Amino acid sequence: ARTVIEHVDQQLMAHQAQQLNLDLSLCHLVLDDIDGALQRLEMAVEDGLVDGWWHTMSHPLYAQLQFEPRYLHVRKRIEENMDEQRERFFEMSRQPGS
């Protein structure tokens, strides 16, 4: 897991940053590096995490974070992002010609 983290950090590209940081958070959890996992989750959300979060974050390793305040904050930010997207979709669908 540590080698994967080092390799991906070297190859990290902006357009893939969200998903890679999400995946790397699991590597940190495998290493029992809670802080590293939380940092990767925070980075993914900061970079605009949108796709695939529900699949990765349903992994059983995340259960150990369920009471961590930083993890709860990440989940809240994801939910807020989803609410914003949902509202924009409804606004667009109410416009004439949509």
Protein backbone atom coordinates (compact mmCIF):
# COMPACT_ATOMS: atom_id res chain seq x y z
CA ALA A 1 0.00 0.00 0.00
CA ARG A 2 2.83 2.41 0.83
CA THR A 3 4.43 1.81 -2.58
CA VAL A 4 1.11 2.47 -4.32
CA ILE A 5 0.74 5.76 -2.44
CA GLU A 6 4.24 6.87 -3.39
CA HIS A 7 3.79 5.89 -7.05
CA VAL A 8 0.41 7.56 -7.43
CA ASP A 9 1.63 10.71 -5.71
CA GLN A 10 4.29 10.97 -8.39
CA GLN A 11 1.78 10.41 -11.18
CA LEU A 12 -1.14 12.38 -9.75
CA MET A 13 -2.83 14.43 -12.44
CA ALA A 14 -5.34 17.18 -11.74
CA HIS A 15 -8.17 15.62 -13.73
CA GLN A 16 -7.85 12.37 -11.80
CA ALA A 17 -7.05 13.82 -8.40
CA GLN A 18 -10.47 13.30 -6.83
CA GLN A 19 -10.76 9.58 -7.53
CA LEU A 20 -7.10 8.86 -6.88
CA ASN A 21 -7.22 10.61 -3.52
CA LEU A 22 -10.35 8.65 -2.68
CA ASP A 23 -8.64 5.38 -3.62
CA LEU A 24 -5.48 6.34 -1.74
CA SER A 25 -7.51 6.97 1.39
CA LEU A 26 -8.16 3.22 1.42
CA CYS A 27 -4.43 2.53 1.17
CA HIS A 28 -3.88 4.73 4.21
CA LEU A 29 -6.58 2.82 6.10
CA VAL A 30 -4.89 -0.48 5.26
CA LEU A 31 -1.75 0.99 6.86
CA ASP A 32 -3.78 2.12 9.92
CA ASP A 33 -2.95 5.71 8.99
CA ILE A 34 -6.22 7.38 9.96
CA ASP A 35 -4.86 10.91 9.54
CA GLY A 36 -3.52 10.10 6.06
CA ALA A 37 -6.87 8.62 5.05
CA LEU A 38 -8.73 11.67 6.29
CA GLN A 39 -6.31 14.00 4.50
CA ARG A 40 -6.92 12.14 1.22
CA LEU A 41 -10.68 12.31 1.69
CA GLU A 42 -10.48 16.03 2.42
CA MET A 43 -8.31 16.55 -0.66
CA ALA A 44 -10.77 14.63 -2.83
CA VAL A 45 -13.66 16.78 -1.67
CA GLU A 46 -11.60 19.96 -2.02
CA ASP A 47 -10.77 18.94 -5.60
CA GLY A 48 -14.48 18.61 -6.38
CA LEU A 49 -15.20 14.95 -5.71
CA VAL A 50 -18.34 14.06 -7.62
CA ASP A 51 -18.14 10.65 -9.28
CA GLY A 52 -17.83 7.30 -7.60
CA TRP A 53 -17.64 8.45 -3.99
CA TRP A 54 -20.64 6.33 -2.95
CA HIS A 55 -18.98 3.17 -4.24
CA THR A 56 -15.56 3.70 -2.68
CA MET A 57 -16.87 5.13 0.59
CA SER A 58 -19.11 2.11 1.11
CA HIS A 59 -15.96 0.01 1.58
CA PRO A 60 -15.93 -1.67 5.03
CA LEU A 61 -12.60 -0.02 5.92
CA TYR A 62 -14.41 3.31 6.23
CA ALA A 63 -16.47 1.94 9.14
CA GLN A 64 -13.59 2.76 11.50
CA LEU A 65 -14.00 6.43 10.60
CA GLN A 66 -17.73 6.69 11.19
CA PHE A 67 -17.35 8.69 14.44
CA GLU A 68 -14.36 10.78 13.38
CA PRO A 69 -15.38 14.48 13.22
CA ARG A 70 -13.27 15.09 10.11
CA TYR A 71 -14.91 12.15 8.33
CA LEU A 72 -18.36 13.40 9.30
CA HIS A 73 -17.41 16.82 7.92
CA VAL A 74 -16.31 15.23 4.61
CA ARG A 75 -19.62 13.36 4.38
CA LYS A 76 -21.51 16.59 5.11
CA ARG A 77 -19.63 18.45 2.36
CA ILE A 78 -20.41 15.67 -0.13
CA GLU A 79 -24.10 15.83 0.81
CA GLU A 80 -24.09 19.63 0.45
CA ASN A 81 -22.50 19.26 -2.99
CA MET A 82 -25.18 16.76 -3.98
CA ASP A 83 -27.91 19.11 -2.75
CA GLU A 84 -26.44 21.95 -4.83
CA GLN A 85 -26.28 19.75 -7.93
CA ARG A 86 -29.83 18.56 -7.38
CA GLU A 87 -31.08 22.15 -7.07
CA ARG A 88 -29.25 23.19 -10.27
CA PHE A 89 -30.80 20.24 -12.09
CA PHE A 90 -34.30 21.21 -10.95
CA GLU A 91 -33.69 24.84 -11.92
CA MET A 92 -32.56 23.75 -15.40
CA SER A 93 -35.53 21.41 -15.81
CA ARG A 94 -37.96 24.26 -14.97
CA GLN A 95 -36.55 26.45 -17.75
CA PRO A 96 -38.57 26.64 -20.96
CA GLY A 97 -37.39 24.26 -23.65
CA SER A 98 -35.72 21.80 -21.32
